[in-house]
Amino acid sequence: MPENHEFDMMHCIENLWYRRRDIVSSGFDESLKYLQNHLPLKIHEISSGTKCWTWTVPEKWEINEAFIEDAETGQRILDLANHPLHVISYSLPIDSIVSRHELLSHIKTNPQRPDAIPFGYKYYDRDWGFCMPHSKLEKLKGEKYRVVIRSSFEKGTLKVGDCTVPGETDETIVILAHLCHPAMVNDDLSGVAVVADVIQTLQKTKNYYTYKALFVPETIGSIAYLSQNEKIIPHVKYGLFLEMLGNDNTHALQRTRQDDSKLDRMARSILKNNTDTFREGAFRKIVCNDEMVWNGPGVDIPTISLSRFPYPEYHSSDDNLGVISEKRLFESRDLILKLLSILDRDYMPKRTFKGPVFLSGYGLFVNPETDLALNRNIEQIMLRLEGRQSVFEISDELDLDFDLVLNYLDQFHRNGLITKIPC
């Protein structure tokens, strides 16, 4: 394992942006190796053809060359060498003369973004195709075209990068991002970079929970990983899927399938108290991704998604380095770290006293001139120490800062007035 180096989110994105990160490919493998230079990644490998619940791991796909030429003039209309998105991912190989009508049926464009190359994929459909700006269709005036795609399919292994930071308990918080989508930045190298930075930070702290960062090919990666590691499912408490975090849009919280879990309430509180504005929506109503695996049938681990979706450059060549900024990445990272800090330190306080506590006798009186909000809520805090509400739930209900309540209750604990019950 290479020695870990300090992680730089923008450098990571710049390094991985143009690699051919298809779901099972050399480009994806190379990208995991890059991350392995910065994190102690365990690489899980699941062979092509492996049955993973109702899915099957696809073959490894590689492409060396692709172009479209006018069959009469030899003019090259489109060339993969100019941009990785020019060929639909997992296209079949072809070297043939086709009619304009047939060619058009194999070309994907986006009229709403006419100068951008759209992202196209046919992972599970055996077909071929090209992607090009809609504005360039007018160049296809000839009647016959030579189309060449020199691609290959072979048995390979789907790979998942796993960085696990052990905690005091084996109860685990999973943080996910997808590493696929060649030649795009915000979706989801921004999520990959934030997850990597968060997990590297967690490596430097003492944690109650175990944290597991997973870098996966979208959907099939989570399915393949979980189907081969079902034993971890009972130990995973929550999941966080991070994606599209580097653009200028406001943050969007997609709630868990459970819709009102403590994770939902914590995430909402963090966004409310640390951003000017944010949006939120129900499960699968903002963006659809791997939360359907982790929070779906037979698994059902409460999993939120945090993104800055939607944005106009989505799934196109316009999703480039100009879309994101280091400032936005750090904003997103800091929100996640604040969320995990509260989650990790939260506990259920259970009183050992009877009657109202003689505050002055224990050094627990709070001068209203020093902290009026806490002074006015001391009785309400004492009434909530029956071991049924966590510190976060108490602070959230009383609209008090979590650390304020936590530090105050820690004084109760030092005086033997409460016990701490893990959440």
Protein backbone atom coordinates (compact mmCIF):
# COMPACT_ATOMS: atom_id res chain seq x y z
CA MET A 1 0.00 0.00 0.00
CA PRO A 2 1.50 3.38 -0.98
CA GLU A 3 2.16 5.90 1.76
CA ASN A 4 -0.85 8.18 2.23
CA HIS A 5 -0.43 11.81 1.14
CA GLU A 6 -2.43 14.84 2.19
CA PHE A 7 -5.51 14.97 0.01
CA ASP A 8 -6.35 17.92 -2.26
CA MET A 9 -9.89 17.88 -3.63
CA MET A 10 -9.28 20.03 -6.69
CA HIS A 11 -6.08 18.20 -7.59
CA CYS A 12 -7.97 14.89 -7.40
CA ILE A 13 -10.68 16.16 -9.72
CA GLU A 14 -8.20 17.62 -12.20
CA ASN A 15 -6.28 14.34 -12.26
CA LEU A 16 -9.28 12.05 -12.78
CA TRP A 17 -11.54 14.23 -14.93
CA TYR A 18 -10.64 13.02 -18.42
CA ARG A 19 -10.05 9.35 -17.59
CA ARG A 20 -12.39 6.79 -19.18
CA ARG A 21 -14.15 5.88 -15.94
CA ASP A 22 -16.71 3.46 -17.36
CA ILE A 23 -18.29 1.07 -14.86
CA VAL A 24 -15.90 -1.85 -15.50
CA SER A 25 -12.84 -0.48 -17.26
CA SER A 26 -9.15 0.24 -17.01
CA GLY A 27 -9.94 3.92 -16.49
CA PHE A 28 -12.05 3.14 -13.44
CA ASP A 29 -9.30 0.88 -12.06
CA GLU A 30 -6.66 3.58 -12.61
CA SER A 31 -8.84 6.10 -10.78
CA LEU A 32 -9.13 3.82 -7.76
CA LYS A 33 -5.36 3.45 -7.74
CA TYR A 34 -5.04 7.23 -7.64
CA LEU A 35 -7.29 7.35 -4.58
CA GLN A 36 -5.27 4.51 -3.07
CA ASN A 37 -2.26 6.84 -3.02
CA HIS A 38 -4.14 9.00 -0.54
CA LEU A 39 -6.33 6.56 1.37
CA PRO A 40 -5.81 3.02 2.69
CA LEU A 41 -8.31 1.54 0.24
CA LYS A 42 -9.29 -2.09 0.23
CA ILE A 43 -10.32 -2.99 -3.32
CA HIS A 44 -13.24 -5.40 -3.58
CA GLU A 45 -13.37 -7.25 -6.90
CA ILE A 46 -16.47 -8.96 -8.29
CA SER A 47 -15.99 -10.90 -11.53
CA SER A 48 -17.94 -10.26 -14.71
CA GLY A 49 -20.88 -12.64 -14.92
CA THR A 50 -21.33 -12.85 -11.14
CA LYS A 51 -24.98 -12.92 -10.18
CA CYS A 52 -25.62 -10.14 -7.67
CA TRP A 53 -29.17 -10.49 -6.41
CA THR A 54 -31.25 -9.88 -9.59
CA TRP A 55 -28.35 -8.21 -11.45
CA THR A 56 -25.27 -9.54 -13.24
CA VAL A 57 -21.86 -7.87 -13.26
CA PRO A 58 -21.14 -6.70 -16.83
CA GLU A 59 -18.02 -7.34 -18.86
CA LYS A 60 -15.05 -5.01 -18.91
CA TRP A 61 -15.37 -2.52 -21.77
CA GLU A 62 -12.46 -0.85 -23.51
CA ILE A 63 -12.35 1.45 -26.51
CA ASN A 64 -9.34 2.43 -28.59
CA GLU A 65 -10.73 4.37 -31.53
CA ALA A 66 -14.01 5.64 -32.94
CA PHE A 67 -15.03 8.04 -35.69
CA ILE A 68 -17.62 8.93 -38.31
CA GLU A 69 -16.53 9.78 -41.85
CA ASP A 70 -18.43 10.88 -44.93
CA ALA A 71 -18.18 7.77 -47.13
CA GLU A 72 -17.77 9.79 -50.34
CA THR A 73 -15.43 12.61 -49.31
CA GLY A 74 -13.60 10.90 -46.44
CA GLN A 75 -14.21 13.97 -44.29
CA ARG A 76 -14.09 13.05 -40.62
CA ILE A 77 -17.27 14.32 -38.98
CA LEU A 78 -16.63 13.11 -35.45
CA ASP A 79 -13.61 11.62 -33.64
CA LEU A 80 -13.39 10.03 -30.21
CA ALA A 81 -9.87 11.45 -29.95
CA ASN A 82 -11.41 14.90 -29.55
CA HIS A 83 -13.62 14.05 -26.56
CA PRO A 84 -14.31 10.87 -24.54
CA LEU A 85 -18.09 11.45 -24.58
CA HIS A 86 -18.33 11.12 -28.37
CA VAL A 87 -19.07 7.38 -28.07
CA ILE A 88 -21.91 5.91 -26.05
CA SER A 89 -20.40 3.96 -23.18
CA TYR A 90 -20.46 0.18 -23.74
CA SER A 91 -21.03 0.52 -27.50
CA LEU A 92 -20.56 -2.58 -29.60
CA PRO A 93 -17.68 -2.58 -32.09
CA ILE A 94 -18.55 -1.70 -35.66
CA ASP A 95 -16.80 -0.91 -38.94
CA SER A 96 -19.43 -0.42 -41.56
CA ILE A 97 -20.95 1.86 -44.22
CA VAL A 98 -24.41 3.01 -43.13
CA SER A 99 -27.08 5.31 -44.51
CA ARG A 100 -27.71 8.74 -43.04
CA HIS A 101 -31.06 7.49 -41.76
CA GLU A 102 -29.48 4.58 -39.92
CA LEU A 103 -26.68 6.74 -38.52
CA LEU A 104 -29.12 9.28 -37.12
CA SER A 105 -30.89 6.49 -35.22
CA HIS A 106 -27.58 5.82 -33.44
CA ILE A 107 -26.73 9.41 -32.55
CA LYS A 108 -27.63 11.03 -29.24
CA THR A 109 -27.89 14.83 -28.99
CA ASN A 110 -29.46 17.28 -26.56
CA PRO A 111 -31.47 20.02 -28.35
CA GLN A 112 -31.84 21.91 -25.05
CA ARG A 113 -28.05 22.25 -24.83
CA PRO A 114 -27.18 22.33 -28.54
CA ASP A 115 -23.43 22.99 -28.29
CA ALA A 116 -22.68 20.32 -25.67
CA ILE A 117 -21.91 16.64 -26.15
CA PRO A 118 -24.42 14.62 -24.10
CA PHE A 119 -23.43 11.63 -21.98
CA GLY A 120 -24.79 8.36 -23.36
CA TYR A 121 -24.54 4.80 -22.08
CA LYS A 122 -25.89 1.37 -22.97
CA TYR A 123 -24.48 -0.76 -20.17
CA TYR A 124 -27.03 -3.51 -20.52
CA ASP A 125 -28.26 -3.03 -24.12
CA ARG A 126 -26.10 -4.50 -26.85
CA ASP A 127 -26.01 -1.66 -29.36
CA TRP A 128 -23.66 1.03 -30.66
CA GLY A 129 -23.91 4.78 -30.83
CA PHE A 130 -22.30 8.20 -30.90
CA CYS A 131 -22.93 11.45 -29.05
CA MET A 132 -22.49 14.86 -30.62
CA PRO A 133 -23.64 18.47 -30.19
CA HIS A 134 -27.10 18.97 -31.64
CA SER A 135 -25.78 21.99 -33.54
CA LYS A 136 -23.42 19.73 -35.53
CA LEU A 137 -26.17 17.53 -36.99
CA GLU A 138 -26.33 19.87 -39.97
CA LYS A 139 -22.91 18.57 -41.03
CA LEU A 140 -24.48 15.20 -41.76
CA LYS A 141 -25.59 16.07 -45.31
CA GLY A 142 -24.23 13.05 -47.15
CA GLU A 143 -26.15 9.85 -47.85
CA LYS A 144 -23.53 7.29 -46.73
CA TYR A 145 -21.14 7.25 -43.77
CA ARG A 146 -18.38 5.04 -42.52
CA VAL A 147 -18.81 4.39 -38.80
CA VAL A 148 -15.98 2.84 -36.81
CA ILE A 149 -15.98 1.87 -33.14
CA ARG A 150 -13.03 -0.25 -32.08
CA SER A 151 -14.25 -1.44 -28.72
CA SER A 152 -13.88 -4.75 -26.91
CA PHE A 153 -15.69 -6.73 -24.23
CA GLU A 154 -13.81 -9.11 -21.99
CA LYS A 155 -14.12 -10.77 -18.64
CA GLY A 156 -12.98 -8.41 -15.91
CA THR A 157 -13.74 -7.44 -12.35
CA LEU A 158 -16.00 -4.70 -11.08
CA LYS A 159 -14.06 -2.84 -8.40
CA VAL A 160 -15.23 -1.01 -5.29
CA GLY A 161 -12.86 1.09 -3.19
CA ASP A 162 -13.42 0.70 0.56
CA CYS A 163 -11.77 2.85 3.23
CA THR A 164 -12.91 1.85 6.71
CA VAL A 165 -12.08 3.84 9.83
CA PRO A 166 -12.75 1.69 12.93
CA GLY A 167 -14.57 3.26 15.87
CA GLU A 168 -15.47 2.23 19.40
CA THR A 169 -18.43 0.29 18.02
CA ASP A 170 -18.85 -1.77 14.86
CA GLU A 171 -22.05 0.15 14.14
CA THR A 172 -21.17 1.74 10.81
CA ILE A 173 -21.92 4.93 8.93
CA VAL A 174 -21.42 4.46 5.17
CA ILE A 175 -20.49 7.45 3.00
CA LEU A 176 -20.75 6.86 -0.76
CA ALA A 177 -19.93 8.44 -4.09
CA HIS A 178 -19.79 7.05 -7.61
CA LEU A 179 -16.48 7.18 -9.46
CA CYS A 180 -17.83 6.44 -12.95
CA HIS A 181 -19.00 8.92 -15.64
CA PRO A 182 -15.99 9.66 -17.88
CA ALA A 183 -15.00 13.26 -18.70
CA MET A 184 -17.46 14.80 -16.25
CA VAL A 185 -16.56 16.71 -13.13
CA ASN A 186 -19.45 17.66 -10.87
CA ASP A 187 -21.18 14.33 -11.47
CA ASP A 188 -19.61 12.84 -9.52
CA LEU A 189 -15.93 13.56 -9.03
CA SER A 190 -17.05 16.37 -6.73
CA GLY A 191 -18.74 13.77 -4.51
CA VAL A 192 -15.69 11.49 -4.71
CA ALA A 193 -13.39 14.33 -3.66
CA VAL A 194 -15.60 15.37 -0.73
CA VAL A 195 -15.97 11.77 0.50
CA ALA A 196 -12.20 11.24 0.29
CA ASP A 197 -11.48 14.45 2.19
CA VAL A 198 -14.10 13.64 4.86
CA ILE A 199 -12.77 10.11 5.44
CA GLN A 200 -9.18 11.32 5.61
CA THR A 201 -10.26 13.83 8.28
CA LEU A 202 -12.05 11.08 10.22
CA GLN A 203 -8.86 9.03 10.21
CA LYS A 204 -7.28 11.70 12.40
CA THR A 205 -9.98 11.70 15.09
CA LYS A 206 -11.27 9.30 17.75
CA ASN A 207 -14.74 8.19 16.70
CA TYR A 208 -17.59 6.33 18.35
CA TYR A 209 -18.95 4.93 15.09
CA THR A 210 -17.06 3.02 12.45
CA TYR A 211 -16.99 4.95 9.18
CA LYS A 212 -16.81 3.33 5.76
CA ALA A 213 -16.21 5.31 2.57
CA LEU A 214 -17.14 3.48 -0.63
CA PHE A 215 -16.21 4.55 -4.17
CA VAL A 216 -18.45 2.63 -6.55
CA PRO A 217 -19.63 2.38 -10.14
CA GLU A 218 -23.12 3.83 -9.98
CA THR A 219 -25.92 1.44 -8.89
CA ILE A 220 -24.28 -1.83 -9.97
CA GLY A 221 -21.33 -1.10 -7.67
CA SER A 222 -23.50 -0.84 -4.57
CA ILE A 223 -25.54 -3.88 -5.61
CA ALA A 224 -22.43 -5.97 -6.29
CA TYR A 225 -20.74 -4.89 -3.05
CA LEU A 226 -23.75 -5.50 -0.80
CA SER A 227 -24.72 -8.78 -2.45
CA GLN A 228 -21.24 -10.13 -1.70
CA ASN A 229 -21.07 -8.58 1.79
CA GLU A 230 -24.56 -9.05 3.20
CA LYS A 231 -23.13 -9.66 6.66
CA ILE A 232 -22.39 -5.96 7.06
CA ILE A 233 -26.01 -4.87 6.50
CA PRO A 234 -27.17 -5.35 10.14
CA HIS A 235 -24.22 -3.25 11.32
CA VAL A 236 -24.83 -0.23 9.07
CA LYS A 237 -26.80 2.42 10.94
CA TYR A 238 -27.01 5.13 8.29
CA GLY A 239 -25.88 5.92 4.76
CA LEU A 240 -24.95 9.22 3.10
CA PHE A 241 -24.74 9.51 -0.68
CA LEU A 242 -22.76 12.57 -1.80
CA GLU A 243 -22.89 13.85 -5.36
CA MET A 244 -22.74 16.99 -7.48
CA LEU A 245 -21.40 19.20 -4.69
CA GLY A 246 -19.05 21.60 -6.47
CA ASN A 247 -21.39 23.87 -8.45
CA ASP A 248 -23.00 27.14 -7.34
CA ASN A 249 -26.51 25.81 -6.72
CA THR A 250 -27.96 25.64 -3.21
CA HIS A 251 -27.66 22.36 -1.35
CA ALA A 252 -30.47 19.86 -1.76
CA LEU A 253 -31.23 17.32 0.96
CA GLN A 254 -33.06 14.21 -0.16
CA ARG A 255 -34.55 12.54 2.87
CA THR A 256 -34.41 8.86 3.72
CA ARG A 257 -37.09 6.37 2.79
CA GLN A 258 -38.08 6.44 6.48
CA ASP A 259 -38.54 10.21 5.94
CA ASP A 260 -38.17 11.30 9.59
CA SER A 261 -35.18 9.40 10.93
CA LYS A 262 -32.77 11.09 13.29
CA LEU A 263 -30.38 11.39 10.33
CA ASP A 264 -33.03 13.37 8.41
CA ARG A 265 -33.56 15.72 11.34
CA MET A 266 -29.83 16.17 11.93
CA ALA A 267 -29.13 16.92 8.26
CA ARG A 268 -31.99 19.42 8.15
CA SER A 269 -30.72 21.11 11.32
CA ILE A 270 -27.17 21.36 9.97
CA LEU A 271 -28.36 22.89 6.70
CA LYS A 272 -30.76 25.25 8.47
CA ASN A 273 -28.08 26.55 10.83
CA ASN A 274 -25.13 26.67 8.42
CA THR A 275 -26.49 27.77 5.03
CA ASP A 276 -28.41 30.79 3.82
CA THR A 277 -30.89 28.59 2.04
CA PHE A 278 -31.38 24.96 1.06
CA ARG A 279 -33.97 22.69 -0.51
CA GLU A 280 -35.23 19.32 0.64
CA GLY A 281 -37.42 16.61 -0.75
CA ALA A 282 -38.70 13.13 -0.10
CA PHE A 283 -36.88 9.92 -0.99
CA ARG A 284 -36.18 9.66 -4.77
CA LYS A 285 -37.84 13.02 -5.44
CA ILE A 286 -34.68 15.13 -5.94
CA VAL A 287 -32.12 12.84 -7.54
CA CYS A 288 -32.13 9.09 -8.12
CA ASN A 289 -28.98 7.18 -7.28
CA ASP A 290 -27.54 4.46 -5.04
CA GLU A 291 -29.83 5.33 -2.14
CA MET A 292 -32.31 3.01 -3.89
CA VAL A 293 -29.89 0.16 -3.18
CA TRP A 294 -28.94 1.02 0.40
CA ASN A 295 -32.40 2.20 1.46
CA GLY A 296 -34.31 -0.13 -0.85
CA PRO A 297 -35.93 -3.57 -0.59
CA GLY A 298 -34.19 -6.09 1.64
CA VAL A 299 -31.57 -3.60 2.89
CA ASP A 300 -33.47 -0.46 3.97
CA ILE A 301 -30.67 1.39 5.72
CA PRO A 302 -31.80 5.02 6.21
CA THR A 303 -29.80 6.87 3.54
CA ILE A 304 -29.86 10.55 2.71
CA SER A 305 -28.51 12.21 -0.42
CA LEU A 306 -26.81 15.59 -0.37
CA SER A 307 -26.26 17.33 -3.69
CA ARG A 308 -26.53 20.67 -5.48
CA PHE A 309 -28.79 19.16 -8.15
CA PRO A 310 -30.15 20.17 -10.62
CA TYR A 311 -27.71 22.15 -12.74
CA PRO A 312 -27.86 22.86 -16.49
CA GLU A 313 -24.55 21.22 -17.42
CA TYR A 314 -25.65 17.81 -16.05
CA HIS A 315 -24.71 14.75 -18.14
CA SER A 316 -22.85 16.67 -20.80
CA SER A 317 -19.42 17.86 -21.86
CA ASP A 318 -20.27 21.19 -20.21
CA ASP A 319 -19.87 19.44 -16.84
CA ASN A 320 -16.22 20.45 -16.76
CA LEU A 321 -13.80 22.19 -14.42
CA GLY A 322 -15.51 25.52 -15.04
CA VAL A 323 -18.68 24.27 -13.31
CA ILE A 324 -17.16 23.77 -9.87
CA SER A 325 -15.13 25.75 -7.34
CA GLU A 326 -12.94 24.83 -4.40
CA LYS A 327 -15.08 27.11 -2.22
CA ARG A 328 -18.22 25.06 -2.91
CA LEU A 329 -16.40 21.77 -2.28
CA PHE A 330 -15.20 23.00 1.11
CA GLU A 331 -18.68 24.25 2.00
CA SER A 332 -20.10 20.80 1.29
CA ARG A 333 -17.29 19.02 3.10
CA ASP A 334 -17.73 21.17 6.20
CA LEU A 335 -21.48 20.48 6.32
CA ILE A 336 -20.85 16.73 6.22
CA LEU A 337 -18.17 16.93 8.92
CA LYS A 338 -20.53 18.93 11.17
CA LEU A 339 -23.29 16.39 10.61
CA LEU A 340 -21.01 13.45 11.41
CA SER A 341 -19.58 15.24 14.46
CA ILE A 342 -23.06 15.61 15.96
CA LEU A 343 -24.03 12.07 15.01
CA ASP A 344 -20.86 10.66 16.54
CA ARG A 345 -21.12 12.52 19.88
CA ASP A 346 -24.85 12.17 20.42
CA TYR A 347 -26.14 10.01 23.27
CA MET A 348 -29.24 9.43 25.41
CA PRO A 349 -28.91 11.17 28.82
CA LYS A 350 -30.66 9.27 31.65
CA ARG A 351 -31.12 11.01 34.99
CA THR A 352 -29.93 9.50 38.27
CA PHE A 353 -31.51 12.27 40.39
CA LYS A 354 -35.01 12.85 41.74
CA GLY A 355 -36.69 16.24 41.88
CA PRO A 356 -35.24 19.42 40.39
CA VAL A 357 -31.47 19.58 40.66
CA PHE A 358 -30.00 22.09 43.13
CA LEU A 359 -28.06 23.81 40.38
CA SER A 360 -25.92 26.13 42.49
CA GLY A 361 -24.81 23.23 44.66
CA TYR A 362 -23.35 21.48 41.61
CA GLY A 363 -21.99 24.54 39.82
CA LEU A 364 -24.73 24.18 37.18
CA PHE A 365 -26.50 27.50 37.56
CA VAL A 366 -26.33 29.56 34.37
CA ASN A 367 -26.39 33.32 34.75
CA PRO A 368 -29.06 34.75 32.42
CA GLU A 369 -26.74 37.66 31.62
CA THR A 370 -24.19 35.14 30.33
CA ASP A 371 -26.57 32.84 28.43
CA LEU A 372 -30.22 33.79 28.55
CA ALA A 373 -31.40 31.03 26.17
CA LEU A 374 -29.81 28.25 28.22
CA ASN A 375 -30.96 29.79 31.52
CA ARG A 376 -34.56 29.79 30.34
CA ASN A 377 -34.38 26.18 29.12
CA ILE A 378 -32.65 24.44 32.06
CA GLU A 379 -35.93 23.14 33.48
CA GLN A 380 -37.02 21.96 30.04
CA ILE A 381 -33.71 20.12 29.64
CA MET A 382 -34.11 18.46 33.07
CA LEU A 383 -37.60 17.29 32.09
CA ARG A 384 -36.13 15.47 29.09
CA LEU A 385 -33.54 13.32 30.84
CA GLU A 386 -35.57 10.10 31.01
CA GLY A 387 -33.39 8.20 28.52
CA ARG A 388 -35.93 8.58 25.73
CA GLN A 389 -34.45 11.57 23.89
CA SER A 390 -30.90 12.10 22.71
CA VAL A 391 -28.88 15.26 23.25
CA PHE A 392 -29.54 16.22 19.64
CA GLU A 393 -33.27 15.62 19.95
CA ILE A 394 -33.40 17.75 23.09
CA SER A 395 -31.44 20.59 21.50
CA ASP A 396 -33.50 20.39 18.30
CA GLU A 397 -36.80 20.42 20.16
CA LEU A 398 -35.76 23.40 22.28
CA ASP A 399 -34.09 25.17 19.33
CA LEU A 400 -30.74 25.30 21.12
CA ASP A 401 -27.25 24.76 19.75
CA PHE A 402 -26.23 21.10 19.99
CA ASP A 403 -22.79 21.81 21.48
CA LEU A 404 -24.31 24.16 24.05
CA VAL A 405 -26.62 21.42 25.33
CA LEU A 406 -23.94 18.73 25.02
CA ASN A 407 -21.41 20.71 27.07
CA TYR A 408 -24.02 21.51 29.71
CA LEU A 409 -25.13 17.88 30.02
CA ASP A 410 -21.51 16.75 30.21
CA GLN A 411 -21.36 18.78 33.43
CA PHE A 412 -24.36 16.79 34.70
CA HIS A 413 -22.47 13.63 33.82
CA ARG A 414 -19.31 14.70 35.63
CA ASN A 415 -21.45 15.34 38.71
CA GLY A 416 -23.00 11.87 38.49
CA LEU A 417 -26.45 13.28 37.72
CA ILE A 418 -26.93 11.42 34.43
CA THR A 419 -25.67 8.30 32.72
CA LYS A 420 -24.90 8.14 29.02
CA ILE A 421 -26.76 5.61 26.91
CA PRO A 422 -25.41 5.06 23.37
CA CYS A 423 -27.95 6.03 20.71
